[in-house]
PDB file of N, CA and C in Angstrom:
ATOM      1  N   GLN A   1      -6.082  13.208 -42.670  1.00  0.00           N
ATOM      2  CA  GLN A   1      -5.033  14.155 -42.329  1.00  0.00           C
ATOM      3  C   GLN A   1      -3.980  13.480 -41.429  1.00  0.00           C
ATOM      4  N   ASP A   2      -4.491  12.793 -40.410  1.00  0.00           N
ATOM      5  CA  ASP A   2      -3.604  12.125 -39.448  1.00  0.00           C
ATOM      6  C   ASP A   2      -2.840  10.980 -40.120  1.00  0.00           C
ATOM      7  N   SER A   3      -3.575  10.187 -40.911  1.00  0.00           N
ATOM      8  CA  SER A   3      -2.933   9.030 -41.578  1.00  0.00           C
ATOM      9  C   SER A   3      -1.899   9.518 -42.602  1.00  0.00           C
ATOM     10  N   LYS A   4      -2.179  10.677 -43.192  1.00  0.00           N
ATOM     11  CA  LYS A   4      -1.246  11.266 -44.168  1.00  0.00           C
ATOM     12  C   LYS A   4       0.090  11.585 -43.465  1.00  0.00           C
ATOM     13  N   LYS A   5      -0.039  12.184 -42.279  1.00  0.00           N
ATOM     14  CA  LYS A   5       1.163  12.522 -41.498  1.00  0.00           C
ATOM     15  C   LYS A   5       1.930  11.247 -41.128  1.00  0.00           C
ATOM     16  N   LYS A   6       1.143  10.249 -40.757  1.00  0.00           N
ATOM     17  CA  LYS A   6       1.732   8.976 -40.344  1.00  0.00           C
ATOM     18  C   LYS A   6       2.556   8.377 -41.495  1.00  0.00           C
ATOM     19  N   ARG A   7       1.919   8.383 -42.711  1.00  0.00           N
ATOM     20  CA  ARG A   7       2.607   7.829 -43.887  1.00  0.00           C
ATOM     21  C   ARG A   7       3.892   8.617 -44.166  1.00  0.00           C
ATOM     22  N   LYS A   8       3.791   9.938 -44.047  1.00  0.00           N
ATOM     23  CA  LYS A   8       4.940  10.803 -44.299  1.00  0.00           C
ATOM     24  C   LYS A   8       6.082  10.446 -43.342  1.00  0.00           C
ATOM     25  N   ARG A   9       5.718  10.295 -42.060  1.00  0.00           N
ATOM     26  CA  ARG A   9       6.710   9.935 -41.046  1.00  0.00           C
ATOM     27  C   ARG A   9       7.377   8.623 -41.387  1.00  0.00           C
ATOM     28  N   LYS A  10       6.543   7.650 -41.778  1.00  0.00           N
ATOM     29  CA  LYS A  10       7.034   6.322 -42.100  1.00  0.00           C
ATOM     30  C   LYS A  10       8.044   6.388 -43.245  1.00  0.00           C
ATOM     31  N   ARG A  11       7.655   7.158 -44.290  1.00  0.00           N
ATOM     32  CA  ARG A  11       8.526   7.302 -45.461  1.00  0.00           C
ATOM     33  C   ARG A  11       9.877   7.916 -45.057  1.00  0.00           C
ATOM     34  N   LYS A  12       9.780   8.941 -44.216  1.00  0.00           N
ATOM     35  CA  LYS A  12      10.989   9.637 -43.754  1.00  0.00           C
ATOM     36  C   LYS A  12      11.909   8.657 -43.013  1.00  0.00           C
ATOM     37  N   LYS A  13      11.289   7.863 -42.172  1.00  0.00           N
ATOM     38  CA  LYS A  13      12.023   6.875 -41.371  1.00  0.00           C
ATOM     39  C   LYS A  13      12.748   5.875 -42.264  1.00  0.00           C
ATOM     40  N   LYS A  14      11.982   5.361 -43.271  1.00  0.00           N
ATOM     41  CA  LYS A  14      12.556   4.388 -44.195  1.00  0.00           C
ATOM     42  C   LYS A  14      13.748   4.987 -44.951  1.00  0.00           C
ATOM     43  N   LYS A  15      13.568   6.222 -45.424  1.00  0.00           N
ATOM     44  CA  LYS A  15      14.621   6.931 -46.155  1.00  0.00           C
ATOM     45  C   LYS A  15      15.875   7.023 -45.301  1.00  0.00           C
ATOM     46  N   LYS A  16      15.664   7.422 -44.033  1.00  0.00           N
ATOM     47  CA  LYS A  16      16.769   7.582 -43.102  1.00  0.00           C
ATOM     48  C   LYS A  16      17.512   6.269 -42.911  1.00  0.00           C
ATOM     49  N   LYS A  17      16.713   5.204 -42.744  1.00  0.00           N
ATOM     50  CA  LYS A  17      17.279   3.877 -42.514  1.00  0.00           C
ATOM     51  C   LYS A  17      18.108   3.441 -43.716  1.00  0.00           C
ATOM     52  N   ARG A  18      17.517   3.650 -44.905  1.00  0.00           N
ATOM     53  CA  ARG A  18      18.219   3.297 -46.143  1.00  0.00           C
ATOM     54  C   ARG A  18      19.549   4.035 -46.238  1.00  0.00           C
ATOM     55  N   PHE A  19      19.496   5.330 -45.900  1.00  0.00           N
ATOM     56  CA  PHE A  19      20.717   6.138 -45.962  1.00  0.00           C
ATOM     57  C   PHE A  19      21.759   5.602 -44.978  1.00  0.00           C
ATOM     58  N   GLN A  20      21.293   5.236 -43.735  1.00  0.00           N
ATOM     59  CA  GLN A  20      22.207   4.681 -42.728  1.00  0.00           C
ATOM     60  C   GLN A  20      22.893   3.447 -43.291  1.00  0.00           C
ATOM     61  N   GLU A  21      22.067   2.550 -43.891  1.00  0.00           N
ATOM     62  CA  GLU A  21      22.625   1.308 -44.433  1.00  0.00           C
ATOM     63  C   GLU A  21      23.632   1.611 -45.545  1.00  0.00           C
ATOM     64  N   PHE A  22      23.299   2.582 -46.393  1.00  0.00           N
ATOM     65  CA  PHE A  22      24.167   2.967 -47.509  1.00  0.00           C
ATOM     66  C   PHE A  22      25.493   3.497 -46.956  1.00  0.00           C
ATOM     67  N   LYS A  23      25.350   4.373 -45.941  1.00  0.00           N
ATOM     68  CA  LYS A  23      26.522   4.972 -45.312  1.00  0.00           C
ATOM     69  C   LYS A  23      27.416   3.881 -44.729  1.00  0.00           C
ATOM     70  N   PHE A  24      26.751   2.923 -44.053  1.00  0.00           N
ATOM     71  CA  PHE A  24      27.449   1.817 -43.394  1.00  0.00           C
ATOM     72  C   PHE A  24      28.173   0.973 -44.466  1.00  0.00           C
ATOM     73  N   ALA A  25      27.506   0.754 -45.614  1.00  0.00           N
ATOM     74  CA  ALA A  25      28.083  -0.064 -46.680  1.00  0.00           C
ATOM     75  C   ALA A  25      29.262   0.638 -47.361  1.00  0.00           C
ATOM     76  N   THR A  26      29.166   1.955 -47.500  1.00  0.00           N
ATOM     77  CA  THR A  26      30.227   2.669 -48.211  1.00  0.00           C
ATOM     78  C   THR A  26      31.416   3.015 -47.318  1.00  0.00           C
ATOM     79  N   MET A  27      31.270   2.767 -46.002  1.00  0.00           N
ATOM     80  CA  MET A  27      32.389   3.058 -45.103  1.00  0.00           C
ATOM     81  C   MET A  27      33.505   2.059 -45.309  1.00  0.00           C
ATOM     82  N   SER A  28      34.675   2.433 -44.844  1.00  0.00           N
ATOM     83  CA  SER A  28      35.771   1.459 -44.863  1.00  0.00           C
ATOM     84  C   SER A  28      35.478   0.406 -43.789  1.00  0.00           C
ATOM     85  N   ARG A  29      36.060  -0.756 -43.927  1.00  0.00           N
ATOM     86  CA  ARG A  29      35.780  -1.873 -42.995  1.00  0.00           C
ATOM     87  C   ARG A  29      36.112  -1.483 -41.560  1.00  0.00           C
ATOM     88  N   ALA A  30      37.227  -0.834 -41.364  1.00  0.00           N
ATOM     89  CA  ALA A  30      37.668  -0.468 -40.003  1.00  0.00           C
ATOM     90  C   ALA A  30      36.674   0.502 -39.370  1.00  0.00           C
ATOM     91  N   ASP A  31      36.231   1.497 -40.152  1.00  0.00           N
ATOM     92  CA  ASP A  31      35.256   2.457 -39.656  1.00  0.00           C
ATOM     93  C   ASP A  31      33.953   1.762 -39.279  1.00  0.00           C
ATOM     94  N   ALA A  32      33.524   0.873 -40.174  1.00  0.00           N
ATOM     95  CA  ALA A  32      32.263   0.153 -39.923  1.00  0.00           C
ATOM     96  C   ALA A  32      32.359  -0.653 -38.645  1.00  0.00           C
ATOM     97  N   ARG A  33      33.504  -1.352 -38.499  1.00  0.00           N
ATOM     98  CA  ARG A  33      33.708  -2.183 -37.301  1.00  0.00           C
ATOM     99  C   ARG A  33      33.699  -1.312 -36.054  1.00  0.00           C
ATOM    100  N   GLU A  34      34.359  -0.171 -36.135  1.00  0.00           N
ATOM    101  CA  GLU A  34      34.417   0.773 -35.010  1.00  0.00           C
ATOM    102  C   GLU A  34      33.018   1.259 -34.652  1.00  0.00           C
ATOM    103  N   GLN A  35      32.257   1.641 -35.670  1.00  0.00           N
ATOM    104  CA  GLN A  35      30.889   2.129 -35.416  1.00  0.00           C
ATOM    105  C   GLN A  35      30.041   1.022 -34.782  1.00  0.00           C
ATOM    106  N   TRP A  36      30.206  -0.207 -35.304  1.00  0.00           N
ATOM    107  CA  TRP A  36      29.436  -1.337 -34.751  1.00  0.00           C
ATOM    108  C   TRP A  36      29.787  -1.566 -33.294  1.00  0.00           C
ATOM    109  N   LYS A  37      31.102  -1.490 -33.002  1.00  0.00           N
ATOM    110  CA  LYS A  37      31.551  -1.670 -31.609  1.00  0.00           C
ATOM    111  C   LYS A  37      30.905  -0.621 -30.701  1.00  0.00           C
ATOM    112  N   GLN A  38      30.907   0.630 -31.177  1.00  0.00           N
ATOM    113  CA  GLN A  38      30.309   1.704 -30.391  1.00  0.00           C
ATOM    114  C   GLN A  38      28.837   1.455 -30.150  1.00  0.00           C
ATOM    115  N   ARG A  39      28.161   1.058 -31.239  1.00  0.00           N
ATOM    116  CA  ARG A  39      26.717   0.806 -31.123  1.00  0.00           C
ATOM    117  C   ARG A  39      26.432  -0.316 -30.120  1.00  0.00           C
ATOM    118  N   ARG A  40      27.253  -1.405 -30.230  1.00  0.00           N
ATOM    119  CA  ARG A  40      27.050  -2.539 -29.347  1.00  0.00           C
ATOM    120  C   ARG A  40      27.335  -2.145 -27.881  1.00  0.00           C
ATOM    121  N   SER A  41      28.411  -1.394 -27.669  1.00  0.00           N
ATOM    122  CA  SER A  41      28.747  -0.994 -26.301  1.00  0.00           C
ATOM    123  C   SER A  41      27.648  -0.086 -25.722  1.00  0.00           C
ATOM    124  N   SER A  42      27.081   0.793 -26.563  1.00  0.00           N
ATOM    125  CA  SER A  42      26.012   1.652 -26.068  1.00  0.00           C
ATOM    126  C   SER A  42      24.779   0.810 -25.723  1.00  0.00           C
ATOM    127  N   MET A  43      24.528  -0.245 -26.566  1.00  0.00           N
ATOM    128  CA  MET A  43      23.410  -1.147 -26.265  1.00  0.00           C
ATOM    129  C   MET A  43      23.628  -1.859 -24.933  1.00  0.00           C
ATOM    130  N   GLU A  44      24.865  -2.328 -24.725  1.00  0.00           N
ATOM    131  CA  GLU A  44      25.189  -3.008 -23.464  1.00  0.00           C
ATOM    132  C   GLU A  44      25.023  -2.077 -22.289  1.00  0.00           C
ATOM    133  N   MET A  45      25.479  -0.824 -22.483  1.00  0.00           N
ATOM    134  CA  MET A  45      25.346   0.176 -21.413  1.00  0.00           C
ATOM    135  C   MET A  45      23.869   0.374 -21.092  1.00  0.00           C
ATOM    136  N   ASN A  46      23.056   0.492 -22.139  1.00  0.00           N
ATOM    137  CA  ASN A  46      21.621   0.654 -21.926  1.00  0.00           C
ATOM    138  C   ASN A  46      21.049  -0.536 -21.172  1.00  0.00           C
ATOM    139  N   ALA A  47      21.477  -1.745 -21.575  1.00  0.00           N
ATOM    140  CA  ALA A  47      20.999  -2.958 -20.903  1.00  0.00           C
ATOM    141  C   ALA A  47      21.385  -2.920 -19.422  1.00  0.00           C
ATOM    142  N   GLU A  48      22.643  -2.512 -19.153  1.00  0.00           N
ATOM    143  CA  GLU A  48      23.106  -2.434 -17.757  1.00  0.00           C
ATOM    144  C   GLU A  48      22.289  -1.404 -16.981  1.00  0.00           C
ATOM    145  N   ASP A  49      22.059  -0.248 -17.626  1.00  0.00           N
ATOM    146  CA  ASP A  49      21.259   0.798 -16.981  1.00  0.00           C
ATOM    147  C   ASP A  49      19.866   0.297 -16.680  1.00  0.00           C
ATOM    148  N   GLU A  50      19.281  -0.405 -17.670  1.00  0.00           N
ATOM    149  CA  GLU A  50      17.920  -0.942 -17.460  1.00  0.00           C
ATOM    150  C   GLU A  50      17.911  -1.941 -16.305  1.00  0.00           C
ATOM    151  N   ALA A  51      18.960  -2.791 -16.260  1.00  0.00           N
ATOM    152  CA  ALA A  51      19.048  -3.795 -15.183  1.00  0.00           C
ATOM    153  C   ALA A  51      19.150  -3.090 -13.829  1.00  0.00           C
ATOM    154  N   ALA A  52      19.980  -2.047 -13.780  1.00  0.00           N
ATOM    155  CA  ALA A  52      20.144  -1.305 -12.525  1.00  0.00           C
ATOM    156  C   ALA A  52      18.815  -0.643 -12.121  1.00  0.00           C
ATOM    157  N   ALA A  53      18.130  -0.073 -13.112  1.00  0.00           N
ATOM    158  CA  ALA A  53      16.836   0.578 -12.837  1.00  0.00           C
ATOM    159  C   ALA A  53      15.834  -0.438 -12.348  1.00  0.00           C
ATOM    160  N   ALA A  54      15.842  -1.617 -12.980  1.00  0.00           N
ATOM    161  CA  ALA A  54      14.906  -2.679 -12.571  1.00  0.00           C
ATOM    162  C   ALA A  54      15.201  -3.118 -11.137  1.00  0.00           C
ATOM    163  N   ALA A  55      16.493  -3.258 -10.831  1.00  0.00           N
ATOM    164  CA  ALA A  55      16.871  -3.659  -9.468  1.00  0.00           C
ATOM    165  C   ALA A  55      16.419  -2.618  -8.446  1.00  0.00           C
ATOM    166  N   ALA A  56      16.609  -1.338  -8.817  1.00  0.00           N
ATOM    167  CA  ALA A  56      16.211  -0.242  -7.928  1.00  0.00           C
ATOM    168  C   ALA A  56      14.709  -0.251  -7.711  1.00  0.00           C
ATOM    169  N   SER A  57      13.967  -0.435  -8.808  1.00  0.00           N
ATOM    170  CA  SER A  57      12.494  -0.421  -8.691  1.00  0.00           C
ATOM    171  C   SER A  57      12.038  -1.619  -7.861  1.00  0.00           C
ATOM    172  N   ALA A  58      12.705  -2.771  -8.027  1.00  0.00           N
ATOM    173  CA  ALA A  58      12.355  -3.958  -7.232  1.00  0.00           C
ATOM    174  C   ALA A  58      12.610  -3.697  -5.743  1.00  0.00           C
ATOM    175  N   ALA A  59      13.756  -3.066  -5.469  1.00  0.00           N
ATOM    176  CA  ALA A  59      14.081  -2.745  -4.071  1.00  0.00           C
ATOM    177  C   ALA A  59      13.037  -1.789  -3.497  1.00  0.00           C
ATOM    178  N   ALA A  60      12.640  -0.806  -4.307  1.00  0.00           N
ATOM    179  CA  ALA A  60      11.633   0.154  -3.855  1.00  0.00           C
ATOM    180  C   ALA A  60      10.295  -0.563  -3.589  1.00  0.00           C
ATOM    181  N   ALA A  61       9.954  -1.490  -4.484  1.00  0.00           N
ATOM    182  CA  ALA A  61       8.708  -2.240  -4.326  1.00  0.00           C
ATOM    183  C   ALA A  61       8.739  -3.052  -3.044  1.00  0.00           C
ATOM    184  N   VAL A  62       9.884  -3.690  -2.774  1.00  0.00           N
ATOM    185  CA  VAL A  62      10.031  -4.481  -1.535  1.00  0.00           C
ATOM    186  C   VAL A  62       9.865  -3.582  -0.312  1.00  0.00           C
ATOM    187  N   ALA A  63      10.528  -2.405  -0.386  1.00  0.00           N
ATOM    188  CA  ALA A  63      10.449  -1.471   0.747  1.00  0.00           C
ATOM    189  C   ALA A  63       9.008  -1.026   0.983  1.00  0.00           C
ATOM    190  N   THR A  64       8.302  -0.681  -0.084  1.00  0.00           N
ATOM    191  CA  THR A  64       6.910  -0.242   0.090  1.00  0.00           C
ATOM    192  C   THR A  64       6.038  -1.367   0.616  1.00  0.00           C
ATOM    193  N   ALA A  65       6.290  -2.580   0.117  1.00  0.00           N
ATOM    194  CA  ALA A  65       5.524  -3.748   0.603  1.00  0.00           C
ATOM    195  C   ALA A  65       5.741  -3.943   2.100  1.00  0.00           C
ATOM    196  N   GLU A  66       7.014  -3.839   2.515  1.00  0.00           N
ATOM    197  CA  GLU A  66       7.322  -3.996   3.939  1.00  0.00           C
ATOM    198  C   GLU A  66       6.651  -2.901   4.753  1.00  0.00           C
ATOM    199  N   ALA A  67       6.686  -1.685   4.247  1.00  0.00           N
ATOM    200  CA  ALA A  67       6.062  -0.550   4.961  1.00  0.00           C
ATOM    201  C   ALA A  67       4.563  -0.794   5.094  1.00  0.00           C
ATOM    202  N   ASN A  68       3.940  -1.233   3.994  1.00  0.00           N
ATOM    203  CA  ASN A  68       2.500  -1.495   4.024  1.00  0.00           C
ATOM    204  C   ASN A  68       2.168  -2.601   5.014  1.00  0.00           C
ATOM    205  N   LEU A  69       3.012  -3.640   5.034  1.00  0.00           N
ATOM    206  CA  LEU A  69       2.791  -4.748   5.957  1.00  0.00           C
ATOM    207  C   LEU A  69       2.872  -4.260   7.396  1.00  0.00           C
ATOM    208  N   ALA A  70       3.906  -3.486   7.680  1.00  0.00           N
ATOM    209  CA  ALA A  70       4.069  -2.936   9.041  1.00  0.00           C
ATOM    210  C   ALA A  70       2.861  -2.087   9.422  1.00  0.00           C
ATOM    211  N   LYS A  71       2.393  -1.281   8.465  1.00  0.00           N
ATOM    212  CA  LYS A  71       1.268  -0.405   8.723  1.00  0.00           C
ATOM    213  C   LYS A  71       0.009  -1.234   9.036  1.00  0.00           C
ATOM    214  N   THR A  72      -0.249  -2.268   8.218  1.00  0.00           N
ATOM    215  CA  THR A  72      -1.438  -3.091   8.447  1.00  0.00           C
ATOM    216  C   THR A  72      -1.330  -3.812   9.779  1.00  0.00           C
ATOM    217  N   GLN A  73      -0.141  -4.315  10.113  1.00  0.00           N
ATOM    218  CA  GLN A  73       0.047  -4.982  11.398  1.00  0.00           C
ATOM    219  C   GLN A  73      -0.243  -4.030  12.542  1.00  0.00           C
ATOM    220  N   GLN A  74       0.228  -2.778  12.423  1.00  0.00           N
ATOM    221  CA  GLN A  74      -0.008  -1.796  13.471  1.00  0.00           C
ATOM    222  C   GLN A  74      -1.498  -1.492  13.584  1.00  0.00           C
ATOM    223  N   GLN A  75      -2.163  -1.370  12.425  1.00  0.00           N
ATOM    224  CA  GLN A  75      -3.605  -1.120  12.418  1.00  0.00           C
ATOM    225  C   GLN A  75      -4.354  -2.255  13.100  1.00  0.00           C
ATOM    226  N   GLN A  76      -3.954  -3.504  12.785  1.00  0.00           N
ATOM    227  CA  GLN A  76      -4.600  -4.664  13.409  1.00  0.00           C
ATOM    228  C   GLN A  76      -4.403  -4.632  14.916  1.00  0.00           C
ATOM    229  N   GLN A  77      -3.184  -4.330  15.339  1.00  0.00           N
ATOM    230  CA  GLN A  77      -2.880  -4.237  16.769  1.00  0.00           C
ATOM    231  C   GLN A  77      -3.762  -3.188  17.438  1.00  0.00           C
ATOM    232  N   GLN A  78      -3.887  -2.020  16.788  1.00  0.00           N
ATOM    233  CA  GLN A  78      -4.703  -0.934  17.322  1.00  0.00           C
ATOM    234  C   GLN A  78      -6.161  -1.356  17.427  1.00  0.00           C
ATOM    235  N   GLN A  79      -6.673  -2.052  16.372  1.00  0.00           N
ATOM    236  CA  GLN A  79      -8.053  -2.517  16.384  1.00  0.00           C
ATOM    237  C   GLN A  79      -8.284  -3.479  17.555  1.00  0.00           C
ATOM    238  N   LYS A  80      -7.298  -4.374  17.769  1.00  0.00           N
ATOM    239  CA  LYS A  80      -7.377  -5.346  18.853  1.00  0.00           C
ATOM    240  C   LYS A  80      -7.477  -4.637  20.197  1.00  0.00           C
ATOM    241  N   LEU A  81      -6.603  -3.629  20.370  1.00  0.00           N
ATOM    242  CA  LEU A  81      -6.589  -2.860  21.624  1.00  0.00           C
ATOM    243  C   LEU A  81      -7.926  -2.141  21.819  1.00  0.00           C
ATOM    244  N   ASP A  82      -8.426  -1.531  20.740  1.00  0.00           N
ATOM    245  CA  ASP A  82      -9.706  -0.821  20.799  1.00  0.00           C
ATOM    246  C   ASP A  82     -10.831  -1.757  21.201  1.00  0.00           C
ATOM    247  N   ALA A  83     -10.837  -2.965  20.594  1.00  0.00           N
ATOM    248  CA  ALA A  83     -11.875  -3.932  20.897  1.00  0.00           C
ATOM    249  C   ALA A  83     -11.831  -4.346  22.362  1.00  0.00           C
ATOM    250  N   GLU A  84     -10.600  -4.580  22.855  1.00  0.00           N
ATOM    251  CA  GLU A  84     -10.433  -4.961  24.263  1.00  0.00           C
ATOM    252  C   GLU A  84     -10.921  -3.854  25.189  1.00  0.00           C
ATOM    253  N   ALA A  85     -10.582  -2.605  24.858  1.00  0.00           N
ATOM    254  CA  ALA A  85     -10.998  -1.467  25.675  1.00  0.00           C
ATOM    255  C   ALA A  85     -12.528  -1.359  25.697  1.00  0.00           C
ATOM    256  N   LYS A  86     -13.146  -1.550  24.542  1.00  0.00           N
ATOM    257  CA  LYS A  86     -14.598  -1.476  24.433  1.00  0.00           C
ATOM    258  C   LYS A  86     -15.252  -2.546  25.297  1.00  0.00           C
ATOM    259  N   LEU A  87     -14.707  -3.765  25.212  1.00  0.00           N
ATOM    260  CA  LEU A  87     -15.232  -4.886  25.997  1.00  0.00           C
ATOM    261  C   LEU A  87     -15.107  -4.579  27.496  1.00  0.00           C
ATOM    262  N   GLU A  88     -13.964  -4.019  27.887  1.00  0.00           N
ATOM    263  CA  GLU A  88     -13.735  -3.702  29.298  1.00  0.00           C
ATOM    264  C   GLU A  88     -14.731  -2.645  29.781  1.00  0.00           C
ATOM    265  N   ARG A  89     -14.989  -1.618  28.947  1.00  0.00           N
ATOM    266  CA  ARG A  89     -15.974  -0.603  29.311  1.00  0.00           C
ATOM    267  C   ARG A  89     -17.350  -1.220  29.501  1.00  0.00           C
ATOM    268  N   LYS A  90     -17.697  -2.143  28.597  1.00  0.00           N
ATOM    269  CA  LYS A  90     -18.995  -2.811  28.674  1.00  0.00           C
ATOM    270  C   LYS A  90     -19.109  -3.626  29.969  1.00  0.00           C
ATOM    271  N   ARG A  91     -18.031  -4.347  30.295  1.00  0.00           N
ATOM    272  CA  ARG A  91     -18.028  -5.154  31.527  1.00  0.00           C
ATOM    273  C   ARG A  91     -18.198  -4.265  32.754  1.00  0.00           C
ATOM    274  N   GLU A  92     -17.456  -3.145  32.757  1.00  0.00           N
ATOM    275  CA  GLU A  92     -17.537  -2.202  33.871  1.00  0.00           C
ATOM    276  C   GLU A  92     -18.953  -1.661  34.028  1.00  0.00           C
ATOM    277  N   LYS A  93     -19.582  -1.334  32.908  1.00  0.00           N
ATOM    278  CA  LYS A  93     -20.955  -0.813  32.907  1.00  0.00           C
ATOM    279  C   LYS A  93     -21.892  -1.854  33.515  1.00  0.00           C
ATOM    280  N   ASN A  94     -21.713  -3.114  33.066  1.00  0.00           N
ATOM    281  CA  ASN A  94     -22.563  -4.195  33.590  1.00  0.00           C
ATOM    282  C   ASN A  94     -22.357  -4.394  35.093  1.00  0.00           C
ATOM    283  N   ARG A  95     -21.063  -4.295  35.514  1.00  0.00           N
ATOM    284  CA  ARG A  95     -20.784  -4.420  36.947  1.00  0.00           C
ATOM    285  C   ARG A  95     -21.520  -3.346  37.733  1.00  0.00           C
ATOM    286  N   ARG A  96     -21.441  -2.069  37.243  1.00  0.00           N
ATOM    287  CA  ARG A  96     -22.134  -0.968  37.896  1.00  0.00           C
ATOM    288  C   ARG A  96     -23.635  -1.238  37.977  1.00  0.00           C
ATOM    289  N   LYS A  97     -24.207  -1.700  36.845  1.00  0.00           N
ATOM    290  CA  LYS A  97     -25.648  -1.982  36.800  1.00  0.00           C
ATOM    291  C   LYS A  97     -26.026  -3.007  37.869  1.00  0.00           C
ATOM    292  N   LYS A  98     -25.223  -4.069  37.923  1.00  0.00           N
ATOM    293  CA  LYS A  98     -25.479  -5.147  38.892  1.00  0.00           C
ATOM    294  C   LYS A  98     -25.407  -4.625  40.325  1.00  0.00           C
ATOM    295  N   ARG A  99     -24.345  -3.821  40.619  1.00  0.00           N
ATOM    296  CA  ARG A  99     -24.145  -3.252  41.936  1.00  0.00           C
ATOM    297  C   ARG A  99     -25.345  -2.381  42.313  1.00  0.00           C
ATOM    298  N   ASN A 100     -25.750  -1.522  41.355  1.00  0.00           N
ATOM    299  CA  ASN A 100     -26.880  -0.622  41.612  1.00  0.00           C
ATOM    300  C   ASN A 100     -28.164  -1.419  41.842  1.00  0.00           C
ATOM    301  N   ARG A 101     -28.335  -2.481  41.046  1.00  0.00           N
ATOM    302  CA  ARG A 101     -29.536  -3.298  41.193  1.00  0.00           C
ATOM    303  C   ARG A 101     -29.591  -3.915  42.596  1.00  0.00           C
ATOM    304  N   ARG A 102     -28.431  -4.434  43.029  1.00  0.00           N
ATOM    305  CA  ARG A 102     -28.361  -5.040  44.384  1.00  0.00           C
ATOM    306  C   ARG A 102     -28.660  -4.003  45.461  1.00  0.00           C
ATOM    307  N   ALA A 103     -28.031  -2.822  45.278  1.00  0.00           N
ATOM    308  CA  ALA A 103     -28.231  -1.740  46.271  1.00  0.00           C
ATOM    309  C   ALA A 103     -29.704  -1.352  46.337  1.00  0.00           C
ATOM    310  N   ARG A 104     -30.342  -1.222  45.154  1.00  0.00           N
ATOM    311  CA  ARG A 104     -31.772  -0.879  45.104  1.00  0.00           C
ATOM    312  C   ARG A 104     -32.614  -1.925  45.804  1.00  0.00           C
ATOM    313  N   ALA A 105     -32.294  -3.196  45.511  1.00  0.00           N
ATOM    314  CA  ALA A 105     -33.058  -4.296  46.129  1.00  0.00           C
ATOM    315  C   ALA A 105     -32.919  -4.245  47.644  1.00  0.00           C
ATOM    316  N   LYS A 106     -31.690  -3.990  48.128  1.00  0.00           N
ATOM    317  CA  LYS A 106     -31.438  -3.913  49.564  1.00  0.00           C
ATOM    318  C   LYS A 106     -32.240  -2.781  50.179  1.00  0.00           C
ATOM    319  N   LEU A 107     -32.209  -1.600  49.478  1.00  0.00           N
ATOM    320  CA  LEU A 107     -32.933  -0.434  49.958  1.00  0.00           C
ATOM    321  C   LEU A 107     -34.434  -0.725  50.027  1.00  0.00           C
ATOM    322  N   ASN A 108     -34.954  -1.328  48.968  1.00  0.00           N
ATOM    323  CA  ASN A 108     -36.388  -1.637  48.935  1.00  0.00           C
ATOM    324  C   ASN A 108     -36.750  -2.586  50.080  1.00  0.00           C
ATOM    325  N   LYS A 109     -35.869  -3.554  50.304  1.00  0.00           N
ATOM    326  CA  LYS A 109     -36.125  -4.527  51.393  1.00  0.00           C
ATOM    327  C   LYS A 109     -36.191  -3.777  52.724  1.00  0.00           C
ATOM    328  N   GLN A 110     -35.218  -2.888  52.974  1.00  0.00           N
ATOM    329  CA  GLN A 110     -35.185  -2.129  54.224  1.00  0.00           C
ATOM    330  C   GLN A 110     -36.433  -1.280  54.383  1.00  0.00           C
ATOM    331  N   GLN A 111     -36.835  -0.613  53.274  1.00  0.00           N
ATOM    332  CA  GLN A 111     -38.022   0.239  53.341  1.00  0.00           C
ATOM    333  C   GLN A 111     -39.271  -0.571  53.644  1.00  0.00           C
ATOM    334  N   SER A 112     -39.372  -1.725  52.964  1.00  0.00           N
ATOM    335  CA  SER A 112     -40.574  -2.553  53.213  1.00  0.00           C
ATOM    336  C   SER A 112     -40.579  -3.038  54.663  1.00  0.00           C
ATOM    337  N   LYS A 113     -39.391  -3.363  55.194  1.00  0.00           N
ATOM    338  CA  LYS A 113     -39.290  -3.783  56.593  1.00  0.00           C
ATOM    339  C   LYS A 113     -39.739  -2.651  57.515  1.00  0.00           C
ATOM    340  N   LEU A 114     -39.248  -1.420  57.239  1.00  0.00           N
ATOM    341  CA  LEU A 114     -39.616  -0.267  58.016  1.00  0.00           C
ATOM    342  C   LEU A 114     -41.120  -0.034  58.000  1.00  0.00           C
ATOM    343  N   GLN A 115     -41.697  -0.122  56.797  1.00  0.00           N
ATOM    344  CA  GLN A 115     -43.156   0.088  56.653  1.00  0.00           C
ATOM    345  C   GLN A 115     -43.904  -0.988  57.435  1.00  0.00           C
ATOM    346  N   GLN A 116     -43.384  -2.203  57.399  1.00  0.00           N
ATOM    347  CA  GLN A 116     -44.031  -3.289  58.135  1.00  0.00           C
ATOM    348  C   GLN A 116     -43.987  -3.013  59.650  1.00  0.00           C
ATOM    349  N   GLN A 117     -42.790  -2.576  60.101  1.00  0.00           N
ATOM    350  CA  GLN A 117     -42.643  -2.273  61.519  1.00  0.00           C
ATOM    351  C   GLN A 117     -43.598  -1.178  61.935  1.00  0.00           C
ATOM    352  N   GLN A 118     -43.698  -0.101  61.071  1.00  0.00           N
ATOM    353  CA  GLN A 118     -44.601   1.013  61.383  1.00  0.00           C
ATOM    354  C   GLN A 118     -46.037   0.516  61.419  1.00  0.00           C
ATOM    355  N   GLY A 119     -46.354  -0.390  60.457  1.00  0.00           N
ATOM    356  CA  GLY A 119     -47.702  -0.950  60.408  1.00  0.00           C
ATOM    357  C   GLY A 119     -47.988  -1.781  61.669  1.00  0.00           C
ATOM    358  N   ASP A 120     -46.982  -2.486  62.167  1.00  0.00           N
ATOM    359  CA  ASP A 120     -47.127  -3.295  63.360  1.00  0.00           C
ATOM    360  C   ASP A 120     -47.322  -2.437  64.590  1.00  0.00           C
ATOM    361  N   THR A 121     -46.601  -1.316  64.672  1.00  0.00           N
ATOM    362  CA  THR A 121     -46.724  -0.470  65.867  1.00  0.00           C
ATOM    363  C   THR A 121     -48.064   0.211  65.910  1.00  0.00           C
ATOM    364  N   GLU A 122     -48.673   0.473  64.709  1.00  0.00           N
ATOM    365  CA  GLU A 122     -49.962   1.170  64.727  1.00  0.00           C
ATOM    366  C   GLU A 122     -51.092   0.343  65.183  1.00  0.00           C
TER     367      GLU A 122
END
């Protein structure tokens, strides 16, 4: 069914093309030349339009690439800042731990001294 339609379309196209050629052949020379000129100018216009569209799409591609690059750079910067902040928090935590450890050791030393003194007085 589908291939039948396809063949029919093809035949129709061929017929149309043959008629165009016949029409072109039976035209007067001036008319034919005029039609050819029109066809060529429309082709050139299409080519120009395509070139303009290609240039526009290239410009858009460049713009998107630049935007993506800026975005990735910003993300990298943010990651760097986050990593630095995390490291700083870790350092601060370690400092606190060290300080507390020293304070505990000092306290324990004082208590043991006190207990020793109490033991001595008894």
